[in-house]
Amino acid sequence: KSGGALSYADLFVRCRAAVRSRADDQNPQFEAYDRFDAGT
């Protein structure tokens, strides 16, 4: 839907909300390690 041009931060917000609309008890978890830039 986005054409793939999303940062990890934006993808996290959108994907988490969309999954919650399909599964009652499933929250995707993104974790950035060692200063990985979530804005990339």
PDB file of all heavy atoms in Angstrom:
ATOM      1  N   LYS A   1       0.819  -1.214   0.000  1.00  0.00           N
ATOM      2  CA  LYS A   1       0.000   0.000   0.000  1.00  0.00           C
ATOM      3  C   LYS A   1       0.850   1.261   0.000  1.00  0.00           C
ATOM      4  O   LYS A   1       0.449   2.295  -0.534  1.00  0.00           O
ATOM      5  CB  LYS A   1      -0.936   0.003   1.207  1.00  0.00           C
ATOM      6  CG  LYS A   1      -2.091  -0.987   1.090  1.00  0.00           C
ATOM      7  CD  LYS A   1      -2.999  -0.905   2.309  1.00  0.00           C
ATOM      8  CE  LYS A   1      -4.198  -1.837   2.165  1.00  0.00           C
ATOM      9  NZ  LYS A   1      -5.081  -1.799   3.363  1.00  0.00           N
ATOM     10  N   SER A   2       2.031   1.182   0.600  1.00  0.00           N
ATOM     11  CA  SER A   2       2.902   2.355   0.695  1.00  0.00           C
ATOM     12  C   SER A   2       3.922   2.422  -0.433  1.00  0.00           C
ATOM     13  O   SER A   2       4.689   3.378  -0.511  1.00  0.00           O
ATOM     14  CB  SER A   2       3.647   2.329   2.035  1.00  0.00           C
ATOM     15  OG  SER A   2       4.560   1.240   2.056  1.00  0.00           O
ATOM     16  N   GLY A   3       3.951   1.399  -1.266  1.00  0.00           N
ATOM     17  CA  GLY A   3       4.984   1.347  -2.291  1.00  0.00           C
ATOM     18  C   GLY A   3       6.323   0.892  -1.750  1.00  0.00           C
ATOM     19  O   GLY A   3       7.325   0.917  -2.465  1.00  0.00           O
ATOM     20  N   GLY A   4       6.345   0.489  -0.479  1.00  0.00           N
ATOM     21  CA  GLY A   4       7.579  -0.001   0.121  1.00  0.00           C
ATOM     22  C   GLY A   4       8.477   1.072   0.678  1.00  0.00           C
ATOM     23  O   GLY A   4       9.481   0.785   1.324  1.00  0.00           O
ATOM     24  N   ALA A   5       8.140   2.347   0.432  1.00  0.00           N
ATOM     25  CA  ALA A   5       8.991   3.455   0.868  1.00  0.00           C
ATOM     26  C   ALA A   5       8.598   3.898   2.267  1.00  0.00           C
ATOM     27  O   ALA A   5       8.058   4.984   2.479  1.00  0.00           O
ATOM     28  CB  ALA A   5       8.895   4.615  -0.110  1.00  0.00           C
ATOM     29  N   LEU A   6       8.846   3.037   3.245  1.00  0.00           N
ATOM     30  CA  LEU A   6       8.535   3.331   4.641  1.00  0.00           C
ATOM     31  C   LEU A   6       9.789   3.148   5.487  1.00  0.00           C
ATOM     32  O   LEU A   6      10.593   2.236   5.239  1.00  0.00           O
ATOM     33  CB  LEU A   6       7.458   2.384   5.175  1.00  0.00           C
ATOM     34  CG  LEU A   6       6.001   2.620   4.768  1.00  0.00           C
ATOM     35  CD1 LEU A   6       5.134   1.527   5.386  1.00  0.00           C
ATOM     36  CD2 LEU A   6       5.522   3.984   5.220  1.00  0.00           C
ATOM     37  N   SER A   7       9.943   3.991   6.488  1.00  0.00           N
ATOM     38  CA  SER A   7      10.987   3.749   7.475  1.00  0.00           C
ATOM     39  C   SER A   7      10.536   2.615   8.386  1.00  0.00           C
ATOM     40  O   SER A   7       9.351   2.268   8.449  1.00  0.00           O
ATOM     41  CB  SER A   7      11.239   5.008   8.310  1.00  0.00           C
ATOM     42  OG  SER A   7      10.119   5.277   9.147  1.00  0.00           O
ATOM     43  N   TYR A   8      11.482   2.026   9.101  1.00  0.00           N
ATOM     44  CA  TYR A   8      11.121   0.978  10.046  1.00  0.00           C
ATOM     45  C   TYR A   8      10.183   1.519  11.117  1.00  0.00           C
ATOM     46  O   TYR A   8       9.274   0.815  11.576  1.00  0.00           O
ATOM     47  CB  TYR A   8      12.369   0.393  10.695  1.00  0.00           C
ATOM     48  CG  TYR A   8      13.169  -0.495   9.777  1.00  0.00           C
ATOM     49  CD1 TYR A   8      14.304  -0.018   9.120  1.00  0.00           C
ATOM     50  CD2 TYR A   8      12.788  -1.812   9.551  1.00  0.00           C
ATOM     51  CE1 TYR A   8      15.041  -0.835   8.278  1.00  0.00           C
ATOM     52  CE2 TYR A   8      13.522  -2.646   8.714  1.00  0.00           C
ATOM     53  CZ  TYR A   8      14.644  -2.151   8.071  1.00  0.00           C
ATOM     54  OH  TYR A   8      15.371  -2.951   7.222  1.00  0.00           O
ATOM     55  N   ALA A   9      10.390   2.770  11.533  1.00  0.00           N
ATOM     56  CA  ALA A   9       9.522   3.361  12.557  1.00  0.00           C
ATOM     57  C   ALA A   9       8.086   3.465  12.052  1.00  0.00           C
ATOM     58  O   ALA A   9       7.136   3.115  12.763  1.00  0.00           O
ATOM     59  CB  ALA A   9      10.055   4.739  12.954  1.00  0.00           C
ATOM     60  N   ASP A  10       7.904   3.934  10.814  1.00  0.00           N
ATOM     61  CA  ASP A  10       6.556   4.038  10.249  1.00  0.00           C
ATOM     62  C   ASP A  10       5.946   2.655  10.036  1.00  0.00           C
ATOM     63  O   ASP A  10       4.761   2.437  10.289  1.00  0.00           O
ATOM     64  CB  ASP A  10       6.595   4.789   8.913  1.00  0.00           C
ATOM     65  CG  ASP A  10       6.833   6.272   9.080  1.00  0.00           C
ATOM     66  OD1 ASP A  10       6.575   6.786  10.189  1.00  0.00           O
ATOM     67  OD2 ASP A  10       7.277   6.921   8.124  1.00  0.00           O
ATOM     68  N   LEU A  11       6.757   1.729   9.551  1.00  0.00           N
ATOM     69  CA  LEU A  11       6.271   0.374   9.309  1.00  0.00           C
ATOM     70  C   LEU A  11       5.807  -0.270  10.619  1.00  0.00           C
ATOM     71  O   LEU A  11       4.779  -0.957  10.647  1.00  0.00           O
ATOM     72  CB  LEU A  11       7.379  -0.466   8.669  1.00  0.00           C
ATOM     73  CG  LEU A  11       7.031  -1.899   8.293  1.00  0.00           C
ATOM     74  CD1 LEU A  11       5.905  -1.951   7.271  1.00  0.00           C
ATOM     75  CD2 LEU A  11       8.269  -2.624   7.752  1.00  0.00           C
ATOM     76  N   PHE A  12       6.535  -0.036  11.682  1.00  0.00           N
ATOM     77  CA  PHE A  12       6.164  -0.579  12.988  1.00  0.00           C
ATOM     78  C   PHE A  12       4.788  -0.092  13.422  1.00  0.00           C
ATOM     79  O   PHE A  12       3.925  -0.875  13.815  1.00  0.00           O
ATOM     80  CB  PHE A  12       7.224  -0.175  14.015  1.00  0.00           C
ATOM     81  CG  PHE A  12       6.842  -0.474  15.446  1.00  0.00           C
ATOM     82  CD1 PHE A  12       6.564  -1.772  15.851  1.00  0.00           C
ATOM     83  CD2 PHE A  12       6.778   0.542  16.385  1.00  0.00           C
ATOM     84  CE1 PHE A  12       6.224  -2.044  17.165  1.00  0.00           C
ATOM     85  CE2 PHE A  12       6.436   0.277  17.699  1.00  0.00           C
ATOM     86  CZ  PHE A  12       6.166  -1.018  18.091  1.00  0.00           C
ATOM     87  N   VAL A  13       4.575   1.206  13.328  1.00  0.00           N
ATOM     88  CA  VAL A  13       3.301   1.779  13.766  1.00  0.00           C
ATOM     89  C   VAL A  13       2.148   1.234  12.934  1.00  0.00           C
ATOM     90  O   VAL A  13       1.109   0.812  13.461  1.00  0.00           O
ATOM     91  CB  VAL A  13       3.357   3.318  13.692  1.00  0.00           C
ATOM     92  CG1 VAL A  13       1.974   3.918  13.938  1.00  0.00           C
ATOM     93  CG2 VAL A  13       4.358   3.871  14.704  1.00  0.00           C
ATOM     94  N   ARG A  14       2.308   1.210  11.610  1.00  0.00           N
ATOM     95  CA  ARG A  14       1.220   0.775  10.735  1.00  0.00           C
ATOM     96  C   ARG A  14       0.973  -0.728  10.832  1.00  0.00           C
ATOM     97  O   ARG A  14      -0.176  -1.188  10.845  1.00  0.00           O
ATOM     98  CB  ARG A  14       1.534   1.169   9.294  1.00  0.00           C
ATOM     99  CG  ARG A  14       1.689   2.673   9.097  1.00  0.00           C
ATOM    100  CD  ARG A  14       1.853   3.032   7.646  1.00  0.00           C
ATOM    101  NE  ARG A  14       2.232   4.429   7.493  1.00  0.00           N
ATOM    102  CZ  ARG A  14       2.142   5.102   6.350  1.00  0.00           C
ATOM    103  NH1 ARG A  14       1.689   4.495   5.262  1.00  0.00           N
ATOM    104  NH2 ARG A  14       2.514   6.364   6.291  1.00  0.00           N
ATOM    105  N   CYS A  15       2.056  -1.491  10.888  1.00  0.00           N
ATOM    106  CA  CYS A  15       1.910  -2.946  10.924  1.00  0.00           C
ATOM    107  C   CYS A  15       1.307  -3.392  12.249  1.00  0.00           C
ATOM    108  O   CYS A  15       0.443  -4.276  12.283  1.00  0.00           O
ATOM    109  CB  CYS A  15       3.270  -3.593  10.705  1.00  0.00           C
ATOM    110  SG  CYS A  15       3.207  -5.377  10.474  1.00  0.00           S
ATOM    111  N   ARG A  16       1.715  -2.778  13.337  1.00  0.00           N
ATOM    112  CA  ARG A  16       1.184  -3.168  14.637  1.00  0.00           C
ATOM    113  C   ARG A  16      -0.321  -2.906  14.713  1.00  0.00           C
ATOM    114  O   ARG A  16      -1.088  -3.735  15.189  1.00  0.00           O
ATOM    115  CB  ARG A  16       1.911  -2.426  15.751  1.00  0.00           C
ATOM    116  CG  ARG A  16       1.554  -2.927  17.152  1.00  0.00           C
ATOM    117  CD  ARG A  16       2.553  -2.441  18.151  1.00  0.00           C
ATOM    118  NE  ARG A  16       2.151  -2.719  19.518  1.00  0.00           N
ATOM    119  CZ  ARG A  16       2.873  -3.362  20.404  1.00  0.00           C
ATOM    120  NH1 ARG A  16       4.047  -3.838  20.055  1.00  0.00           N
ATOM    121  NH2 ARG A  16       2.452  -3.545  21.651  1.00  0.00           N
ATOM    122  N   ALA A  17      -0.738  -1.737  14.220  1.00  0.00           N
ATOM    123  CA  ALA A  17      -2.168  -1.427  14.250  1.00  0.00           C
ATOM    124  C   ALA A  17      -2.956  -2.384  13.360  1.00  0.00           C
ATOM    125  O   ALA A  17      -4.053  -2.831  13.719  1.00  0.00           O
ATOM    126  CB  ALA A  17      -2.389   0.014  13.817  1.00  0.00           C
ATOM    127  N   ALA A  18      -2.405  -2.719  12.185  1.00  0.00           N
ATOM    128  CA  ALA A  18      -3.115  -3.598  11.258  1.00  0.00           C
ATOM    129  C   ALA A  18      -3.219  -5.016  11.796  1.00  0.00           C
ATOM    130  O   ALA A  18      -4.257  -5.672  11.652  1.00  0.00           O
ATOM    131  CB  ALA A  18      -2.410  -3.598   9.897  1.00  0.00           C
ATOM    132  N   VAL A  19      -2.159  -5.520  12.431  1.00  0.00           N
ATOM    133  CA  VAL A  19      -2.208  -6.869  12.992  1.00  0.00           C
ATOM    134  C   VAL A  19      -3.227  -6.940  14.126  1.00  0.00           C
ATOM    135  O   VAL A  19      -3.982  -7.913  14.249  1.00  0.00           O
ATOM    136  CB  VAL A  19      -0.810  -7.307  13.488  1.00  0.00           C
ATOM    137  CG1 VAL A  19      -0.916  -8.555  14.371  1.00  0.00           C
ATOM    138  CG2 VAL A  19       0.105  -7.594  12.307  1.00  0.00           C
ATOM    139  N   ARG A  20      -3.292  -5.891  14.943  1.00  0.00           N
ATOM    140  CA  ARG A  20      -4.239  -5.893  16.053  1.00  0.00           C
ATOM    141  C   ARG A  20      -5.688  -5.933  15.568  1.00  0.00           C
ATOM    142  O   ARG A  20      -6.580  -6.362  16.292  1.00  0.00           O
ATOM    143  CB  ARG A  20      -4.022  -4.661  16.940  1.00  0.00           C
ATOM    144  CG  ARG A  20      -2.847  -4.751  17.877  1.00  0.00           C
ATOM    145  CD  ARG A  20      -2.964  -5.895  18.856  1.00  0.00           C
ATOM    146  NE  ARG A  20      -4.202  -5.827  19.622  1.00  0.00           N
ATOM    147  CZ  ARG A  20      -4.341  -5.145  20.738  1.00  0.00           C
ATOM    148  NH1 ARG A  20      -3.314  -4.480  21.238  1.00  0.00           N
ATOM    149  NH2 ARG A  20      -5.493  -5.143  21.377  1.00  0.00           N
ATOM    150  N   SER A  21      -5.932  -5.492  14.342  1.00  0.00           N
ATOM    151  CA  SER A  21      -7.291  -5.558  13.809  1.00  0.00           C
ATOM    152  C   SER A  21      -7.649  -6.968  13.349  1.00  0.00           C
ATOM    153  O   SER A  21      -8.815  -7.260  13.084  1.00  0.00           O
ATOM    154  CB  SER A  21      -7.449  -4.579  12.639  1.00  0.00           C
ATOM    155  OG  SER A  21      -6.715  -5.010  11.506  1.00  0.00           O
ATOM    156  N   ARG A  22      -6.638  -7.853  13.256  1.00  0.00           N
ATOM    157  CA  ARG A  22      -6.859  -9.214  12.773  1.00  0.00           C
ATOM    158  C   ARG A  22      -6.705 -10.268  13.868  1.00  0.00           C
ATOM    159  O   ARG A  22      -7.282 -11.349  13.768  1.00  0.00           O
ATOM    160  CB  ARG A  22      -5.887  -9.525  11.632  1.00  0.00           C
ATOM    161  CG  ARG A  22      -6.017  -8.571  10.454  1.00  0.00           C
ATOM    162  CD  ARG A  22      -5.035  -8.888   9.356  1.00  0.00           C
ATOM    163  NE  ARG A  22      -5.154  -7.947   8.247  1.00  0.00           N
ATOM    164  CZ  ARG A  22      -4.480  -8.023   7.110  1.00  0.00           C
ATOM    165  NH1 ARG A  22      -3.638  -9.032   6.931  1.00  0.00           N
ATOM    166  NH2 ARG A  22      -4.657  -7.131   6.153  1.00  0.00           N
ATOM    167  N   ALA A  23      -5.889  -9.983  14.860  1.00  0.00           N
ATOM    168  CA  ALA A  23      -5.650 -10.932  15.953  1.00  0.00           C
ATOM    169  C   ALA A  23      -5.759 -10.175  17.267  1.00  0.00           C
ATOM    170  O   ALA A  23      -5.153  -9.124  17.437  1.00  0.00           O
ATOM    171  CB  ALA A  23      -4.271 -11.569  15.813  1.00  0.00           C
ATOM    172  N   ASP A  24      -6.531 -10.739  18.182  1.00  0.00           N
ATOM    173  CA  ASP A  24      -6.822 -10.035  19.425  1.00  0.00           C
ATOM    174  C   ASP A  24      -5.608  -9.924  20.328  1.00  0.00           C
ATOM    175  O   ASP A  24      -5.437  -8.934  21.027  1.00  0.00           O
ATOM    176  CB  ASP A  24      -7.942 -10.769  20.167  1.00  0.00           C
ATOM    177  CG  ASP A  24      -8.353 -10.059  21.438  1.00  0.00           C
ATOM    178  OD1 ASP A  24      -8.894  -8.938  21.319  1.00  0.00           O
ATOM    179  OD2 ASP A  24      -8.125 -10.602  22.532  1.00  0.00           O
ATOM    180  N   ASP A  25      -4.732 -10.908  20.318  1.00  0.00           N
ATOM    181  CA  ASP A  25      -3.616 -10.938  21.263  1.00  0.00           C
ATOM    182  C   ASP A  25      -2.304 -11.193  20.538  1.00  0.00           C
ATOM    183  O   ASP A  25      -1.564 -12.130  20.838  1.00  0.00           O
ATOM    184  CB  ASP A  25      -3.864 -12.019  22.330  1.00  0.00           C
ATOM    185  CG  ASP A  25      -2.864 -11.936  23.476  1.00  0.00           C
ATOM    186  OD1 ASP A  25      -2.373 -10.828  23.749  1.00  0.00           O
ATOM    187  OD2 ASP A  25      -2.563 -12.980  24.084  1.00  0.00           O
ATOM    188  N   GLN A  26      -2.022 -10.367  19.559  1.00  0.00           N
ATOM    189  CA  GLN A  26      -0.754 -10.464  18.839  1.00  0.00           C
ATOM    190  C   GLN A  26      -0.282  -9.054  18.488  1.00  0.00           C
ATOM    191  O   GLN A  26      -0.922  -8.361  17.712  1.00  0.00           O
ATOM    192  CB  GLN A  26      -0.886 -11.314  17.569  1.00  0.00           C
ATOM    193  CG  GLN A  26       0.442 -11.452  16.813  1.00  0.00           C
ATOM    194  CD  GLN A  26       0.349 -12.381  15.613  1.00  0.00           C
ATOM    195  OE1 GLN A  26      -0.543 -13.218  15.525  1.00  0.00           O
ATOM    196  NE2 GLN A  26       1.275 -12.234  14.680  1.00  0.00           N
ATOM    197  N   ASN A  27       0.837  -8.658  19.071  1.00  0.00           N
ATOM    198  CA  ASN A  27       1.405  -7.332  18.829  1.00  0.00           C
ATOM    199  C   ASN A  27       2.798  -7.479  18.229  1.00  0.00           C
ATOM    200  O   ASN A  27       3.726  -7.902  18.933  1.00  0.00           O
ATOM    201  CB  ASN A  27       1.520  -6.534  20.135  1.00  0.00           C
ATOM    202  CG  ASN A  27       0.174  -6.279  20.782  1.00  0.00           C
ATOM    203  OD1 ASN A  27      -0.779  -5.918  20.112  1.00  0.00           O
ATOM    204  ND2 ASN A  27       0.100  -6.484  22.085  1.00  0.00           N
ATOM    205  N   PRO A  28       2.986  -7.177  16.951  1.00  0.00           N
ATOM    206  CA  PRO A  28       4.327  -7.231  16.383  1.00  0.00           C
ATOM    207  C   PRO A  28       5.301  -6.390  17.202  1.00  0.00           C
ATOM    208  O   PRO A  28       4.953  -5.313  17.691  1.00  0.00           O
ATOM    209  CB  PRO A  28       4.142  -6.654  14.977  1.00  0.00           C
ATOM    210  CG  PRO A  28       2.712  -6.924  14.653  1.00  0.00           C
ATOM    211  CD  PRO A  28       1.976  -6.775  15.951  1.00  0.00           C
ATOM    212  N   GLN A  29       6.501  -6.908  17.346  1.00  0.00           N
ATOM    213  CA  GLN A  29       7.515  -6.236  18.146  1.00  0.00           C
ATOM    214  C   GLN A  29       8.743  -5.992  17.295  1.00  0.00           C
ATOM    215  O   GLN A  29       9.361  -6.923  16.804  1.00  0.00           O
ATOM    216  CB  GLN A  29       7.890  -7.099  19.365  1.00  0.00           C
ATOM    217  CG  GLN A  29       8.859  -6.462  20.320  1.00  0.00           C
ATOM    218  CD  GLN A  29       8.259  -5.311  21.090  1.00  0.00           C
ATOM    219  OE1 GLN A  29       7.031  -5.217  21.197  1.00  0.00           O
ATOM    220  NE2 GLN A  29       9.079  -4.433  21.617  1.00  0.00           N
ATOM    221  N   PHE A  30       9.099  -4.728  17.081  1.00  0.00           N
ATOM    222  CA  PHE A  30      10.326  -4.372  16.372  1.00  0.00           C
ATOM    223  C   PHE A  30      11.350  -3.968  17.423  1.00  0.00           C
ATOM    224  O   PHE A  30      11.036  -3.241  18.362  1.00  0.00           O
ATOM    225  CB  PHE A  30      10.100  -3.205  15.413  1.00  0.00           C
ATOM    226  CG  PHE A  30       9.283  -3.528  14.193  1.00  0.00           C
ATOM    227  CD1 PHE A  30       8.463  -4.632  14.127  1.00  0.00           C
ATOM    228  CD2 PHE A  30       9.337  -2.693  13.081  1.00  0.00           C
ATOM    229  CE1 PHE A  30       7.700  -4.911  12.998  1.00  0.00           C
ATOM    230  CE2 PHE A  30       8.575  -2.957  11.946  1.00  0.00           C
ATOM    231  CZ  PHE A  30       7.765  -4.066  11.896  1.00  0.00           C
ATOM    232  N   GLU A  31      12.575  -4.415  17.270  1.00  0.00           N
ATOM    233  CA  GLU A  31      13.631  -4.083  18.216  1.00  0.00           C
ATOM    234  C   GLU A  31      14.880  -3.677  17.446  1.00  0.00           C
ATOM    235  O   GLU A  31      15.391  -4.448  16.637  1.00  0.00           O
ATOM    236  CB  GLU A  31      13.930  -5.289  19.122  1.00  0.00           C
ATOM    237  CG  GLU A  31      12.744  -5.753  19.963  1.00  0.00           C
ATOM    238  CD  GLU A  31      13.045  -6.993  20.785  1.00  0.00           C
ATOM    239  OE1 GLU A  31      14.240  -7.284  21.003  1.00  0.00           O
ATOM    240  OE2 GLU A  31      12.099  -7.676  21.209  1.00  0.00           O
ATOM    241  N   ALA A  32      15.345  -2.453  17.705  1.00  0.00           N
ATOM    242  CA  ALA A  32      16.560  -1.935  17.066  1.00  0.00           C
ATOM    243  C   ALA A  32      17.726  -2.101  18.035  1.00  0.00           C
ATOM    244  O   ALA A  32      17.642  -1.674  19.185  1.00  0.00           O
ATOM    245  CB  ALA A  32      16.374  -0.470  16.688  1.00  0.00           C
ATOM    246  N   TYR A  33      18.798  -2.711  17.576  1.00  0.00           N
ATOM    247  CA  TYR A  33      19.934  -3.013  18.436  1.00  0.00           C
ATOM    248  C   TYR A  33      21.158  -2.190  18.047  1.00  0.00           C
ATOM    249  O   TYR A  33      21.381  -1.899  16.862  1.00  0.00           O
ATOM    250  CB  TYR A  33      20.294  -4.502  18.341  1.00  0.00           C
ATOM    251  CG  TYR A  33      19.247  -5.422  18.931  1.00  0.00           C
ATOM    252  CD1 TYR A  33      18.194  -5.901  18.159  1.00  0.00           C
ATOM    253  CD2 TYR A  33      19.310  -5.802  20.272  1.00  0.00           C
ATOM    254  CE1 TYR A  33      17.240  -6.748  18.712  1.00  0.00           C
ATOM    255  CE2 TYR A  33      18.355  -6.657  20.817  1.00  0.00           C
ATOM    256  CZ  TYR A  33      17.331  -7.123  20.035  1.00  0.00           C
ATOM    257  OH  TYR A  33      16.378  -7.955  20.568  1.00  0.00           O
ATOM    258  N   ASP A  34      21.939  -1.834  19.062  1.00  0.00           N
ATOM    259  CA  ASP A  34      23.237  -1.186  18.876  1.00  0.00           C
ATOM    260  C   ASP A  34      23.126   0.060  17.987  1.00  0.00           C
ATOM    261  O   ASP A  34      23.868   0.242  17.042  1.00  0.00           O
ATOM    262  CB  ASP A  34      24.250  -2.175  18.274  1.00  0.00           C
ATOM    263  CG  ASP A  34      25.687  -1.697  18.413  1.00  0.00           C
ATOM    264  OD1 ASP A  34      25.965  -0.928  19.342  1.00  0.00           O
ATOM    265  OD2 ASP A  34      26.523  -2.087  17.565  1.00  0.00           O
ATOM    266  N   ARG A  35      22.124   0.909  18.335  1.00  0.00           N
ATOM    267  CA  ARG A  35      21.913   2.187  17.646  1.00  0.00           C
ATOM    268  C   ARG A  35      21.550   2.020  16.155  1.00  0.00           C
ATOM    269  O   ARG A  35      21.897   2.869  15.326  1.00  0.00           O
ATOM    270  CB  ARG A  35      23.126   3.112  17.794  1.00  0.00           C
ATOM    271  CG  ARG A  35      23.332   3.582  19.228  1.00  0.00           C
ATOM    272  CD  ARG A  35      24.301   4.737  19.322  1.00  0.00           C
ATOM    273  NE  ARG A  35      24.331   5.263  20.671  1.00  0.00           N
ATOM    274  CZ  ARG A  35      23.455   6.147  21.144  1.00  0.00           C
ATOM    275  NH1 ARG A  35      22.480   6.578  20.368  1.00  0.00           N
ATOM    276  NH2 ARG A  35      23.550   6.584  22.380  1.00  0.00           N
ATOM    277  N   PHE A  36      20.894   0.947  15.821  1.00  0.00           N
ATOM    278  CA  PHE A  36      20.321   0.848  14.478  1.00  0.00           C
ATOM    279  C   PHE A  36      19.311   1.976  14.323  1.00  0.00           C
ATOM    280  O   PHE A  36      18.443   2.171  15.174  1.00  0.00           O
ATOM    281  CB  PHE A  36      19.639  -0.507  14.294  1.00  0.00           C
ATOM    282  CG  PHE A  36      19.139  -0.748  12.891  1.00  0.00           C
ATOM    283  CD1 PHE A  36      19.875  -1.502  12.005  1.00  0.00           C
ATOM    284  CD2 PHE A  36      17.926  -0.219  12.470  1.00  0.00           C
ATOM    285  CE1 PHE A  36      19.414  -1.735  10.710  1.00  0.00           C
ATOM    286  CE2 PHE A  36      17.459  -0.439  11.189  1.00  0.00           C
ATOM    287  CZ  PHE A  36      18.196  -1.193  10.299  1.00  0.00           C
ATOM    288  N   ASP A  37      19.408   2.721  13.237  1.00  0.00           N
ATOM    289  CA  ASP A  37      18.550   3.892  13.031  1.00  0.00           C
ATOM    290  C   ASP A  37      17.200   3.458  12.485  1.00  0.00           C
ATOM    291  O   ASP A  37      17.077   3.063  11.323  1.00  0.00           O
ATOM    292  CB  ASP A  37      19.234   4.865  12.067  1.00  0.00           C
ATOM    293  CG  ASP A  37      18.468   6.170  11.889  1.00  0.00           C
ATOM    294  OD1 ASP A  37      17.369   6.307  12.462  1.00  0.00           O
ATOM    295  OD2 ASP A  37      18.975   7.051  11.174  1.00  0.00           O
ATOM    296  N   ALA A  38      16.167   3.548  13.325  1.00  0.00           N
ATOM    297  CA  ALA A  38      14.824   3.136  12.911  1.00  0.00           C
ATOM    298  C   ALA A  38      14.207   4.087  11.903  1.00  0.00           C
ATOM    299  O   ALA A  38      13.150   3.792  11.345  1.00  0.00           O
ATOM    300  CB  ALA A  38      13.917   3.023  14.136  1.00  0.00           C
ATOM    301  N   GLY A  39      14.855   5.221  11.657  1.00  0.00           N
ATOM    302  CA  GLY A  39      14.354   6.147  10.648  1.00  0.00           C
ATOM    303  C   GLY A  39      14.808   5.811   9.243  1.00  0.00           C
ATOM    304  O   GLY A  39      14.361   6.451   8.279  1.00  0.00           O
ATOM    305  N   THR A  40      15.663   4.797   9.101  1.00  0.00           N
ATOM    306  CA  THR A  40      16.094   4.391   7.769  1.00  0.00           C
ATOM    307  C   THR A  40      14.995   3.591   7.086  1.00  0.00           C
ATOM    308  O   THR A  40      14.112   3.036   7.727  1.00  0.00           O
ATOM    309  CB  THR A  40      17.374   3.540   7.831  1.00  0.00           C
ATOM    310  OG1 THR A  40      17.141   2.400   8.669  1.00  0.00           O
ATOM    311  CG2 THR A  40      18.520   4.343   8.413  1.00  0.00           C
TER     312      THR A  40
END
